[in-house]
PDB file of N, CA and C in Angstrom:
ATOM      1  N   MET A   1      -9.662  10.025   0.715  1.00  0.00           N
ATOM      2  CA  MET A   1      -8.725   9.171   0.017  1.00  0.00           C
ATOM      3  C   MET A   1      -8.797   9.518  -1.469  1.00  0.00           C
ATOM      4  N   ASN A   2      -7.630   9.768  -2.045  1.00  0.00           N
ATOM      5  CA  ASN A   2      -7.537  10.117  -3.451  1.00  0.00           C
ATOM      6  C   ASN A   2      -7.457   8.832  -4.282  1.00  0.00           C
ATOM      7  N   LEU A   3      -8.470   8.579  -5.082  1.00  0.00           N
ATOM      8  CA  LEU A   3      -8.523   7.339  -5.850  1.00  0.00           C
ATOM      9  C   LEU A   3      -7.473   7.273  -6.950  1.00  0.00           C
ATOM     10  N   ALA A   4      -6.921   8.423  -7.339  1.00  0.00           N
ATOM     11  CA  ALA A   4      -5.893   8.422  -8.377  1.00  0.00           C
ATOM     12  C   ALA A   4      -4.601   7.761  -7.899  1.00  0.00           C
ATOM     13  N   PHE A   5      -4.377   7.768  -6.592  1.00  0.00           N
ATOM     14  CA  PHE A   5      -3.137   7.226  -6.053  1.00  0.00           C
ATOM     15  C   PHE A   5      -3.356   5.978  -5.207  1.00  0.00           C
ATOM     16  N   CYS A   6      -4.510   5.333  -5.374  1.00  0.00           N
ATOM     17  CA  CYS A   6      -4.792   4.103  -4.628  1.00  0.00           C
ATOM     18  C   CYS A   6      -4.034   2.931  -5.231  1.00  0.00           C
ATOM     19  N   HIS A   7      -3.619   2.050  -4.368  1.00  0.00           N
ATOM     20  CA  HIS A   7      -2.846   0.887  -4.787  1.00  0.00           C
ATOM     21  C   HIS A   7      -3.402  -0.331  -4.045  1.00  0.00           C
ATOM     22  N   THR A   8      -3.725  -1.366  -4.784  1.00  0.00           N
ATOM     23  CA  THR A   8      -4.224  -2.603  -4.180  1.00  0.00           C
ATOM     24  C   THR A   8      -3.066  -3.567  -4.020  1.00  0.00           C
ATOM     25  N   VAL A   9      -2.922  -4.093  -2.827  1.00  0.00           N
ATOM     26  CA  VAL A   9      -1.809  -4.971  -2.487  1.00  0.00           C
ATOM     27  C   VAL A   9      -2.358  -6.316  -2.039  1.00  0.00           C
ATOM     28  N   ARG A  10      -1.725  -7.378  -2.491  1.00  0.00           N
ATOM     29  CA  ARG A  10      -2.089  -8.741  -2.083  1.00  0.00           C
ATOM     30  C   ARG A  10      -0.805  -9.415  -1.608  1.00  0.00           C
ATOM     31  N   LEU A  11      -0.680  -9.591  -0.294  1.00  0.00           N
ATOM     32  CA  LEU A  11       0.548 -10.123   0.287  1.00  0.00           C
ATOM     33  C   LEU A  11       0.276 -11.383   1.093  1.00  0.00           C
ATOM     34  N   LYS A  12       1.270 -12.255   1.119  1.00  0.00           N
ATOM     35  CA  LYS A  12       1.176 -13.495   1.876  1.00  0.00           C
ATOM     36  C   LYS A  12       1.893 -13.302   3.216  1.00  0.00           C
ATOM     37  N   PHE A  13       1.292 -13.862   4.268  1.00  0.00           N
ATOM     38  CA  PHE A  13       1.832 -13.730   5.615  1.00  0.00           C
ATOM     39  C   PHE A  13       1.973 -15.102   6.257  1.00  0.00           C
ATOM     40  N   LYS A  14       2.790 -15.180   7.300  1.00  0.00           N
ATOM     41  CA  LYS A  14       2.948 -16.404   8.084  1.00  0.00           C
ATOM     42  C   LYS A  14       1.979 -16.364   9.263  1.00  0.00           C
ATOM     43  N   GLN A  15       1.592 -17.518   9.739  1.00  0.00           N
ATOM     44  CA  GLN A  15       0.799 -17.671  10.977  1.00  0.00           C
ATOM     45  C   GLN A  15      -0.471 -16.835  10.963  1.00  0.00           C
ATOM     46  N   ILE A  16      -1.136 -16.799   9.843  1.00  0.00           N
ATOM     47  CA  ILE A  16      -2.342 -15.981   9.747  1.00  0.00           C
ATOM     48  C   ILE A  16      -3.568 -16.697  10.297  1.00  0.00           C
ATOM     49  N   SER A  17      -3.542 -18.016  10.332  1.00  0.00           N
ATOM     50  CA  SER A  17      -4.715 -18.765  10.781  1.00  0.00           C
ATOM     51  C   SER A  17      -4.927 -18.653  12.297  1.00  0.00           C
ATOM     52  N   SER A  18      -3.854 -18.345  13.039  1.00  0.00           N
ATOM     53  CA  SER A  18      -3.994 -18.250  14.492  1.00  0.00           C
ATOM     54  C   SER A  18      -4.553 -16.906  14.948  1.00  0.00           C
ATOM     55  N   VAL A  19      -4.680 -15.954  14.041  1.00  0.00           N
ATOM     56  CA  VAL A  19      -5.154 -14.613  14.386  1.00  0.00           C
ATOM     57  C   VAL A  19      -6.618 -14.476  14.001  1.00  0.00           C
ATOM     58  N   ASP A  20      -7.372 -13.794  14.831  1.00  0.00           N
ATOM     59  CA  ASP A  20      -8.788 -13.579  14.581  1.00  0.00           C
ATOM     60  C   ASP A  20      -8.980 -12.618  13.401  1.00  0.00           C
ATOM     61  N   GLU A  21      -9.790 -13.015  12.460  1.00  0.00           N
ATOM     62  CA  GLU A  21     -10.022 -12.209  11.255  1.00  0.00           C
ATOM     63  C   GLU A  21     -10.635 -10.851  11.585  1.00  0.00           C
ATOM     64  N   SER A  22     -11.557 -10.824  12.519  1.00  0.00           N
ATOM     65  CA  SER A  22     -12.212  -9.554  12.864  1.00  0.00           C
ATOM     66  C   SER A  22     -11.225  -8.576  13.510  1.00  0.00           C
ATOM     67  N   LEU A  23     -10.226  -9.104  14.234  1.00  0.00           N
ATOM     68  CA  LEU A  23      -9.210  -8.238  14.831  1.00  0.00           C
ATOM     69  C   LEU A  23      -8.351  -7.587  13.751  1.00  0.00           C
ATOM     70  N   VAL A  24      -7.977  -8.356  12.735  1.00  0.00           N
ATOM     71  CA  VAL A  24      -7.182  -7.820  11.626  1.00  0.00           C
ATOM     72  C   VAL A  24      -7.991  -6.770  10.875  1.00  0.00           C
ATOM     73  N   MET A  25      -9.253  -7.067  10.589  1.00  0.00           N
ATOM     74  CA  MET A  25     -10.117  -6.119   9.887  1.00  0.00           C
ATOM     75  C   MET A  25     -10.290  -4.825  10.682  1.00  0.00           C
ATOM     76  N   ALA A  26     -10.435  -4.959  11.997  1.00  0.00           N
ATOM     77  CA  ALA A  26     -10.619  -3.774  12.837  1.00  0.00           C
ATOM     78  C   ALA A  26      -9.348  -2.927  12.890  1.00  0.00           C
ATOM     79  N   CYS A  27      -8.200  -3.568  13.019  1.00  0.00           N
ATOM     80  CA  CYS A  27      -6.943  -2.819  13.101  1.00  0.00           C
ATOM     81  C   CYS A  27      -6.605  -2.125  11.787  1.00  0.00           C
ATOM     82  N   LEU A  28      -6.801  -2.815  10.680  1.00  0.00           N
ATOM     83  CA  LEU A  28      -6.540  -2.182   9.387  1.00  0.00           C
ATOM     84  C   LEU A  28      -7.609  -1.145   9.053  1.00  0.00           C
ATOM     85  N   GLY A  29      -8.821  -1.379   9.520  1.00  0.00           N
ATOM     86  CA  GLY A  29      -9.895  -0.417   9.300  1.00  0.00           C
ATOM     87  C   GLY A  29      -9.689   0.888  10.053  1.00  0.00           C
ATOM     88  N   GLN A  30      -8.915   0.849  11.130  1.00  0.00           N
ATOM     89  CA  GLN A  30      -8.619   2.059  11.896  1.00  0.00           C
ATOM     90  C   GLN A  30      -7.669   2.997  11.155  1.00  0.00           C
ATOM     91  N   LEU A  31      -6.872   2.442  10.246  1.00  0.00           N
ATOM     92  CA  LEU A  31      -5.967   3.289   9.469  1.00  0.00           C
ATOM     93  C   LEU A  31      -6.795   4.123   8.500  1.00  0.00           C
ATOM     94  N   GLU A  32      -6.477   5.387   8.411  1.00  0.00           N
ATOM     95  CA  GLU A  32      -7.317   6.334   7.682  1.00  0.00           C
ATOM     96  C   GLU A  32      -7.372   6.075   6.173  1.00  0.00           C
ATOM     97  N   TYR A  33      -6.282   5.656   5.590  1.00  0.00           N
ATOM     98  CA  TYR A  33      -6.205   5.549   4.132  1.00  0.00           C
ATOM     99  C   TYR A  33      -6.247   4.105   3.631  1.00  0.00           C
ATOM    100  N   VAL A  34      -6.805   3.196   4.409  1.00  0.00           N
ATOM    101  CA  VAL A  34      -6.911   1.789   4.012  1.00  0.00           C
ATOM    102  C   VAL A  34      -8.387   1.423   3.884  1.00  0.00           C
ATOM    103  N   ASP A  35      -8.717   0.738   2.796  1.00  0.00           N
ATOM    104  CA  ASP A  35     -10.072   0.210   2.650  1.00  0.00           C
ATOM    105  C   ASP A  35     -10.019  -1.043   1.782  1.00  0.00           C
ATOM    106  N   ARG A  36     -11.175  -1.648   1.558  1.00  0.00           N
ATOM    107  CA  ARG A  36     -11.314  -2.895   0.798  1.00  0.00           C
ATOM    108  C   ARG A  36     -10.364  -3.985   1.299  1.00  0.00           C
ATOM    109  N   ILE A  37     -10.495  -4.315   2.537  1.00  0.00           N
ATOM    110  CA  ILE A  37      -9.655  -5.338   3.157  1.00  0.00           C
ATOM    111  C   ILE A  37     -10.297  -6.699   2.914  1.00  0.00           C
ATOM    112  N   HIS A  38      -9.486  -7.624   2.401  1.00  0.00           N
ATOM    113  CA  HIS A  38      -9.969  -8.978   2.145  1.00  0.00           C
ATOM    114  C   HIS A  38      -9.007  -9.961   2.806  1.00  0.00           C
ATOM    115  N   PHE A  39      -9.544 -10.884   3.546  1.00  0.00           N
ATOM    116  CA  PHE A  39      -8.774 -11.805   4.373  1.00  0.00           C
ATOM    117  C   PHE A  39      -8.988 -13.217   3.857  1.00  0.00           C
ATOM    118  N   GLU A  40      -7.928 -13.889   3.403  1.00  0.00           N
ATOM    119  CA  GLU A  40      -8.014 -15.274   2.947  1.00  0.00           C
ATOM    120  C   GLU A  40      -7.175 -16.136   3.894  1.00  0.00           C
ATOM    121  N   SER A  41      -7.813 -16.677   4.916  1.00  0.00           N
ATOM    122  CA  SER A  41      -7.066 -17.405   5.947  1.00  0.00           C
ATOM    123  C   SER A  41      -6.517 -18.736   5.431  1.00  0.00           C
ATOM    124  N   LYS A  42      -7.197 -19.386   4.498  1.00  0.00           N
ATOM    125  CA  LYS A  42      -6.709 -20.681   3.990  1.00  0.00           C
ATOM    126  C   LYS A  42      -5.422 -20.528   3.202  1.00  0.00           C
ATOM    127  N   LYS A  43      -5.290 -19.425   2.475  1.00  0.00           N
ATOM    128  CA  LYS A  43      -4.091 -19.180   1.674  1.00  0.00           C
ATOM    129  C   LYS A  43      -3.083 -18.288   2.397  1.00  0.00           C
ATOM    130  N   SER A  44      -3.432 -17.790   3.583  1.00  0.00           N
ATOM    131  CA  SER A  44      -2.602 -16.866   4.363  1.00  0.00           C
ATOM    132  C   SER A  44      -2.313 -15.585   3.596  1.00  0.00           C
ATOM    133  N   ILE A  45      -3.327 -15.054   2.943  1.00  0.00           N
ATOM    134  CA  ILE A  45      -3.167 -13.853   2.135  1.00  0.00           C
ATOM    135  C   ILE A  45      -4.120 -12.767   2.634  1.00  0.00           C
ATOM    136  N   ILE A  46      -3.593 -11.562   2.740  1.00  0.00           N
ATOM    137  CA  ILE A  46      -4.398 -10.391   3.053  1.00  0.00           C
ATOM    138  C   ILE A  46      -4.247  -9.424   1.887  1.00  0.00           C
ATOM    139  N   SER A  47      -5.366  -8.970   1.352  1.00  0.00           N
ATOM    140  CA  SER A  47      -5.315  -7.968   0.299  1.00  0.00           C
ATOM    141  C   SER A  47      -6.065  -6.733   0.780  1.00  0.00           C
ATOM    142  N   PHE A  48      -5.576  -5.583   0.399  1.00  0.00           N
ATOM    143  CA  PHE A  48      -6.186  -4.330   0.805  1.00  0.00           C
ATOM    144  C   PHE A  48      -5.815  -3.250  -0.194  1.00  0.00           C
ATOM    145  N   ARG A  49      -6.609  -2.183  -0.184  1.00  0.00           N
ATOM    146  CA  ARG A  49      -6.338  -1.019  -1.018  1.00  0.00           C
ATOM    147  C   ARG A  49      -6.005   0.140  -0.104  1.00  0.00           C
ATOM    148  N   TYR A  50      -4.974   0.885  -0.474  1.00  0.00           N
ATOM    149  CA  TYR A  50      -4.581   2.030   0.336  1.00  0.00           C
ATOM    150  C   TYR A  50      -4.120   3.170  -0.558  1.00  0.00           C
ATOM    151  N   ASP A  51      -4.157   4.370  -0.011  1.00  0.00           N
ATOM    152  CA  ASP A  51      -3.705   5.564  -0.725  1.00  0.00           C
ATOM    153  C   ASP A  51      -2.199   5.683  -0.529  1.00  0.00           C
ATOM    154  N   ALA A  52      -1.440   5.333  -1.557  1.00  0.00           N
ATOM    155  CA  ALA A  52       0.015   5.292  -1.452  1.00  0.00           C
ATOM    156  C   ALA A  52       0.638   6.680  -1.358  1.00  0.00           C
ATOM    157  N   SER A  53      -0.112   7.723  -1.702  1.00  0.00           N
ATOM    158  CA  SER A  53       0.433   9.070  -1.579  1.00  0.00           C
ATOM    159  C   SER A  53       0.384   9.561  -0.131  1.00  0.00           C
ATOM    160  N   GLN A  54      -0.445   8.953   0.695  1.00  0.00           N
ATOM    161  CA  GLN A  54      -0.614   9.396   2.075  1.00  0.00           C
ATOM    162  C   GLN A  54      -0.100   8.406   3.120  1.00  0.00           C
ATOM    163  N   LEU A  55      -0.029   7.137   2.780  1.00  0.00           N
ATOM    164  CA  LEU A  55       0.307   6.100   3.754  1.00  0.00           C
ATOM    165  C   LEU A  55       1.371   5.177   3.185  1.00  0.00           C
ATOM    166  N   GLU A  56       2.364   4.860   3.995  1.00  0.00           N
ATOM    167  CA  GLU A  56       3.413   3.945   3.557  1.00  0.00           C
ATOM    168  C   GLU A  56       3.009   2.507   3.868  1.00  0.00           C
ATOM    169  N   LEU A  57       3.432   1.599   3.016  1.00  0.00           N
ATOM    170  CA  LEU A  57       3.138   0.183   3.214  1.00  0.00           C
ATOM    171  C   LEU A  57       3.789  -0.334   4.491  1.00  0.00           C
ATOM    172  N   ASP A  58       4.931   0.218   4.862  1.00  0.00           N
ATOM    173  CA  ASP A  58       5.613  -0.217   6.081  1.00  0.00           C
ATOM    174  C   ASP A  58       4.759   0.003   7.327  1.00  0.00           C
ATOM    175  N   ILE A  59       3.944   1.037   7.336  1.00  0.00           N
ATOM    176  CA  ILE A  59       3.066   1.287   8.487  1.00  0.00           C
ATOM    177  C   ILE A  59       2.019   0.180   8.594  1.00  0.00           C
ATOM    178  N   VAL A  60       1.451  -0.217   7.470  1.00  0.00           N
ATOM    179  CA  VAL A  60       0.466  -1.298   7.466  1.00  0.00           C
ATOM    180  C   VAL A  60       1.118  -2.607   7.911  1.00  0.00           C
ATOM    181  N   ILE A  61       2.318  -2.871   7.412  1.00  0.00           N
ATOM    182  CA  ILE A  61       3.032  -4.096   7.787  1.00  0.00           C
ATOM    183  C   ILE A  61       3.395  -4.073   9.266  1.00  0.00           C
ATOM    184  N   ASP A  62       3.743  -2.892   9.813  1.00  0.00           N
ATOM    185  CA  ASP A  62       4.038  -2.784  11.241  1.00  0.00           C
ATOM    186  C   ASP A  62       2.805  -3.060  12.095  1.00  0.00           C
ATOM    187  N   VAL A  63       1.635  -2.612  11.639  1.00  0.00           N
ATOM    188  CA  VAL A  63       0.386  -2.889  12.369  1.00  0.00           C
ATOM    189  C   VAL A  63       0.123  -4.391  12.396  1.00  0.00           C
ATOM    190  N   LEU A  64       0.297  -5.039  11.248  1.00  0.00           N
ATOM    191  CA  LEU A  64       0.089  -6.486  11.196  1.00  0.00           C
ATOM    192  C   LEU A  64       1.157  -7.228  11.994  1.00  0.00           C
ATOM    193  N   ASP A  65       2.368  -6.697  12.002  1.00  0.00           N
ATOM    194  CA  ASP A  65       3.452  -7.295  12.780  1.00  0.00           C
ATOM    195  C   ASP A  65       3.149  -7.225  14.281  1.00  0.00           C
ATOM    196  N   ALA A  66       2.520  -6.138  14.710  1.00  0.00           N
ATOM    197  CA  ALA A  66       2.138  -5.998  16.119  1.00  0.00           C
ATOM    198  C   ALA A  66       1.074  -7.027  16.513  1.00  0.00           C
ATOM    199  N   LEU A  67       0.297  -7.476  15.542  1.00  0.00           N
ATOM    200  CA  LEU A  67      -0.707  -8.512  15.804  1.00  0.00           C
ATOM    201  C   LEU A  67      -0.108  -9.921  15.773  1.00  0.00           C
ATOM    202  N   GLY A  68       1.165 -10.013  15.435  1.00  0.00           N
ATOM    203  CA  GLY A  68       1.819 -11.317  15.361  1.00  0.00           C
ATOM    204  C   GLY A  68       1.802 -11.932  13.979  1.00  0.00           C
ATOM    205  N   ILE A  69       1.456 -11.138  12.974  1.00  0.00           N
ATOM    206  CA  ILE A  69       1.417 -11.623  11.596  1.00  0.00           C
ATOM    207  C   ILE A  69       2.692 -11.168  10.892  1.00  0.00           C
ATOM    208  N   ARG A  70       3.501 -12.125  10.466  1.00  0.00           N
ATOM    209  CA  ARG A  70       4.783 -11.822   9.816  1.00  0.00           C
ATOM    210  C   ARG A  70       4.658 -12.025   8.316  1.00  0.00           C
ATOM    211  N   LEU A  71       5.387 -11.208   7.569  1.00  0.00           N
ATOM    212  CA  LEU A  71       5.415 -11.360   6.112  1.00  0.00           C
ATOM    213  C   LEU A  71       6.059 -12.684   5.726  1.00  0.00           C
ATOM    214  N   TYR A  72       5.561 -13.285   4.686  1.00  0.00           N
ATOM    215  CA  TYR A  72       6.121 -14.529   4.157  1.00  0.00           C
ATOM    216  C   TYR A  72       7.242 -14.172   3.187  1.00  0.00           C
ATOM    217  N   ARG A  73       8.480 -14.436   3.586  1.00  0.00           N
ATOM    218  CA  ARG A  73       9.641 -14.096   2.763  1.00  0.00           C
ATOM    219  C   ARG A  73      10.467 -15.333   2.436  1.00  0.00           C
ATOM    220  N   ASP A  74       9.871 -16.505   2.552  1.00  0.00           N
ATOM    221  CA  ASP A  74      10.630 -17.733   2.346  1.00  0.00           C
ATOM    222  C   ASP A  74      10.842 -18.072   0.881  1.00  0.00           C
ATOM    223  N   SER A  75       9.970 -17.622   0.011  1.00  0.00           N
ATOM    224  CA  SER A  75      10.121 -17.979  -1.394  1.00  0.00           C
ATOM    225  C   SER A  75      10.611 -16.775  -2.194  1.00  0.00           C
ATOM    226  N   TYR A  76      11.297 -17.067  -3.249  1.00  0.00           N
ATOM    227  CA  TYR A  76      11.838 -16.020  -4.117  1.00  0.00           C
ATOM    228  C   TYR A  76      10.724 -15.204  -4.762  1.00  0.00           C
ATOM    229  N   TRP A  77       9.626 -15.855  -5.128  1.00  0.00           N
ATOM    230  CA  TRP A  77       8.515 -15.170  -5.773  1.00  0.00           C
ATOM    231  C   TRP A  77       7.926 -14.084  -4.876  1.00  0.00           C
ATOM    232  N   TRP A  78       7.691 -14.395  -3.610  1.00  0.00           N
ATOM    233  CA  TRP A  78       7.068 -13.418  -2.714  1.00  0.00           C
ATOM    234  C   TRP A  78       8.030 -12.297  -2.354  1.00  0.00           C
ATOM    235  N   ARG A  79       9.344 -12.582  -2.320  1.00  0.00           N
ATOM    236  CA  ARG A  79      10.318 -11.503  -2.101  1.00  0.00           C
ATOM    237  C   ARG A  79      10.342 -10.560  -3.296  1.00  0.00           C
ATOM    238  N   CYS A  80      10.290 -11.107  -4.511  1.00  0.00           N
ATOM    239  CA  CYS A  80      10.245 -10.269  -5.722  1.00  0.00           C
ATOM    240  C   CYS A  80       8.950  -9.468  -5.779  1.00  0.00           C
ATOM    241  N   LYS A  81       7.861 -10.104  -5.418  1.00  0.00           N
ATOM    242  CA  LYS A  81       6.571  -9.412  -5.431  1.00  0.00           C
ATOM    243  C   LYS A  81       6.560  -8.255  -4.432  1.00  0.00           C
ATOM    244  N   LEU A  82       7.121  -8.467  -3.249  1.00  0.00           N
ATOM    245  CA  LEU A  82       7.197  -7.403  -2.250  1.00  0.00           C
ATOM    246  C   LEU A  82       8.087  -6.265  -2.742  1.00  0.00           C
ATOM    247  N   ALA A  83       9.199  -6.592  -3.380  1.00  0.00           N
ATOM    248  CA  ALA A  83      10.084  -5.557  -3.923  1.00  0.00           C
ATOM    249  C   ALA A  83       9.365  -4.749  -4.998  1.00  0.00           C
ATOM    250  N   PHE A  84       8.556  -5.414  -5.817  1.00  0.00           N
ATOM    251  CA  PHE A  84       7.803  -4.712  -6.848  1.00  0.00           C
ATOM    252  C   PHE A  84       6.731  -3.815  -6.235  1.00  0.00           C
ATOM    253  N   VAL A  85       6.102  -4.269  -5.158  1.00  0.00           N
ATOM    254  CA  VAL A  85       5.094  -3.455  -4.466  1.00  0.00           C
ATOM    255  C   VAL A  85       5.742  -2.191  -3.913  1.00  0.00           C
ATOM    256  N   TYR A  86       6.927  -2.328  -3.314  1.00  0.00           N
ATOM    257  CA  TYR A  86       7.640  -1.151  -2.810  1.00  0.00           C
ATOM    258  C   TYR A  86       8.032  -0.213  -3.955  1.00  0.00           C
ATOM    259  N   TYR A  87       8.426  -0.765  -5.087  1.00  0.00           N
ATOM    260  CA  TYR A  87       8.773   0.043  -6.252  1.00  0.00           C
ATOM    261  C   TYR A  87       7.557   0.843  -6.734  1.00  0.00           C
ATOM    262  N   LEU A  88       6.412   0.188  -6.829  1.00  0.00           N
ATOM    263  CA  LEU A  88       5.186   0.876  -7.245  1.00  0.00           C
ATOM    264  C   LEU A  88       4.794   1.966  -6.247  1.00  0.00           C
ATOM    265  N   GLU A  89       4.968   1.689  -4.974  1.00  0.00           N
ATOM    266  CA  GLU A  89       4.623   2.670  -3.953  1.00  0.00           C
ATOM    267  C   GLU A  89       5.505   3.914  -4.080  1.00  0.00           C
ATOM    268  N   ARG A  90       6.803   3.722  -4.281  1.00  0.00           N
ATOM    269  CA  ARG A  90       7.704   4.869  -4.465  1.00  0.00           C
ATOM    270  C   ARG A  90       7.326   5.656  -5.710  1.00  0.00           C
ATOM    271  N   ASN A  91       6.958   4.954  -6.768  1.00  0.00           N
ATOM    272  CA  ASN A  91       6.566   5.602  -8.006  1.00  0.00           C
ATOM    273  C   ASN A  91       5.286   6.412  -7.828  1.00  0.00           C
ATOM    274  N   ILE A  92       4.298   5.847  -7.164  1.00  0.00           N
ATOM    275  CA  ILE A  92       3.042   6.552  -6.910  1.00  0.00           C
ATOM    276  C   ILE A  92       3.288   7.776  -6.047  1.00  0.00           C
ATOM    277  N   ARG A  93       4.111   7.635  -5.015  1.00  0.00           N
ATOM    278  CA  ARG A  93       4.396   8.753  -4.121  1.00  0.00           C
ATOM    279  C   ARG A  93       5.117   9.883  -4.852  1.00  0.00           C
ATOM    280  N   SER A  94       6.073   9.537  -5.714  1.00  0.00           N
ATOM    281  CA  SER A  94       6.778  10.600  -6.438  1.00  0.00           C
ATOM    282  C   SER A  94       5.865  11.268  -7.462  1.00  0.00           C
ATOM    283  N   ASN A  95       4.968  10.524  -8.085  1.00  0.00           N
ATOM    284  CA  ASN A  95       4.007  11.129  -9.007  1.00  0.00           C
ATOM    285  C   ASN A  95       3.018  12.031  -8.278  1.00  0.00           C
ATOM    286  N   ALA A  96       2.663  11.677  -7.064  1.00  0.00           N
ATOM    287  CA  ALA A  96       1.725  12.496  -6.292  1.00  0.00           C
ATOM    288  C   ALA A  96       2.357  13.815  -5.863  1.00  0.00           C
ATOM    289  N   ARG A  97       3.650  13.808  -5.624  1.00  0.00           N
ATOM    290  CA  ARG A  97       4.333  15.009  -5.158  1.00  0.00           C
ATOM    291  C   ARG A  97       4.913  15.855  -6.297  1.00  0.00           C
ATOM    292  N   HIS A  98       4.747  15.397  -7.527  1.00  0.00           N
ATOM    293  CA  HIS A  98       5.302  16.109  -8.680  1.00  0.00           C
ATOM    294  C   HIS A  98       4.571  17.426  -8.914  1.00  0.00           C
ATOM    295  N   VAL A  99       5.333  18.488  -9.097  1.00  0.00           N
ATOM    296  CA  VAL A  99       4.776  19.790  -9.429  1.00  0.00           C
ATOM    297  C   VAL A  99       5.162  20.081 -10.873  1.00  0.00           C
ATOM    298  N   PRO A 100       4.192  20.269 -11.746  1.00  0.00           N
ATOM    299  CA  PRO A 100       4.529  20.514 -13.146  1.00  0.00           C
ATOM    300  C   PRO A 100       5.280  21.837 -13.311  1.00  0.00           C
ATOM    301  N   HIS A 101       6.192  21.864 -14.244  1.00  0.00           N
ATOM    302  CA  HIS A 101       6.998  23.065 -14.446  1.00  0.00           C
ATOM    303  C   HIS A 101       6.285  24.107 -15.298  1.00  0.00           C
ATOM    304  N   CYS A 102       5.242  23.718 -15.965  1.00  0.00           N
ATOM    305  CA  CYS A 102       4.527  24.641 -16.847  1.00  0.00           C
ATOM    306  C   CYS A 102       3.036  24.376 -16.735  1.00  0.00           C
ATOM    307  N   CYS A 103       2.277  25.422 -16.813  1.00  0.00           N
ATOM    308  CA  CYS A 103       0.828  25.226 -16.764  1.00  0.00           C
ATOM    309  C   CYS A 103       0.166  25.751 -18.031  1.00  0.00           C
ATOM    310  N   GLY A 104       0.901  25.775 -19.133  1.00  0.00           N
ATOM    311  CA  GLY A 104       0.327  26.183 -20.402  1.00  0.00           C
ATOM    312  C   GLY A 104       0.437  27.669 -20.683  1.00  0.00           C
ATOM    313  N   LYS A 105       1.123  28.416 -19.838  1.00  0.00           N
ATOM    314  CA  LYS A 105       1.276  29.852 -20.063  1.00  0.00           C
ATOM    315  C   LYS A 105       2.364  30.095 -21.096  1.00  0.00           C
ATOM    316  N   PRO A 106       2.236  31.118 -21.897  1.00  0.00           N
ATOM    317  CA  PRO A 106       3.335  31.447 -22.804  1.00  0.00           C
ATOM    318  C   PRO A 106       4.543  31.959 -22.020  1.00  0.00           C
ATOM    319  N   THR A 107       5.711  31.817 -22.609  1.00  0.00           N
ATOM    320  CA  THR A 107       6.920  32.285 -21.929  1.00  0.00           C
ATOM    321  C   THR A 107       6.912  33.796 -21.842  1.00  0.00           C
ATOM    322  N   ASN A 108       7.772  34.343 -20.997  1.00  0.00           N
ATOM    323  CA  ASN A 108       7.796  35.800 -20.757  1.00  0.00           C
ATOM    324  C   ASN A 108       8.157  36.578 -22.016  1.00  0.00           C
ATOM    325  N   GLY A 109       8.973  36.019 -22.894  1.00  0.00           N
ATOM    326  CA  GLY A 109       9.390  36.720 -24.098  1.00  0.00           C
ATOM    327  C   GLY A 109       8.254  36.924 -25.089  1.00  0.00           C
ATOM    328  N   LEU A 110       7.229  36.128 -25.066  1.00  0.00           N
ATOM    329  CA  LEU A 110       6.137  36.225 -26.027  1.00  0.00           C
ATOM    330  C   LEU A 110       4.997  37.114 -25.526  1.00  0.00           C
ATOM    331  N   ARG A 111       5.016  37.508 -24.286  1.00  0.00           N
ATOM    332  CA  ARG A 111       3.948  38.354 -23.731  1.00  0.00           C
ATOM    333  C   ARG A 111       4.157  39.799 -24.155  1.00  0.00           C
ATOM    334  N   ARG A 112       3.072  40.552 -24.313  1.00  0.00           N
ATOM    335  CA  ARG A 112       3.176  41.976 -24.687  1.00  0.00           C
ATOM    336  C   ARG A 112       2.506  42.835 -23.690  1.00  0.00           C
TER     337      ARG A 112
END
């Protein structure tokens, strides 16, 4: 996991208290680029760190969705926060794939 492209996400979910915490930890722990999983059942919040250059947030959300945990989209704040998380993920991914156009070499006209 490349620490330069790690992104910590804290998202609110619905119906989190009915799911076993160890099951969520085990399923997210199976994903290769996810670590530092923190489960707050009283607040219905799951926070985790993942390598955004290698793993999409949608894959993590799909894993949690398969466990019966749905994203909390009822409030405007959490919808804006999710949109910002997706924006940051796209930004991190594009920065990871960026190839610099110059590596400090002089141009061809200046070489002898």
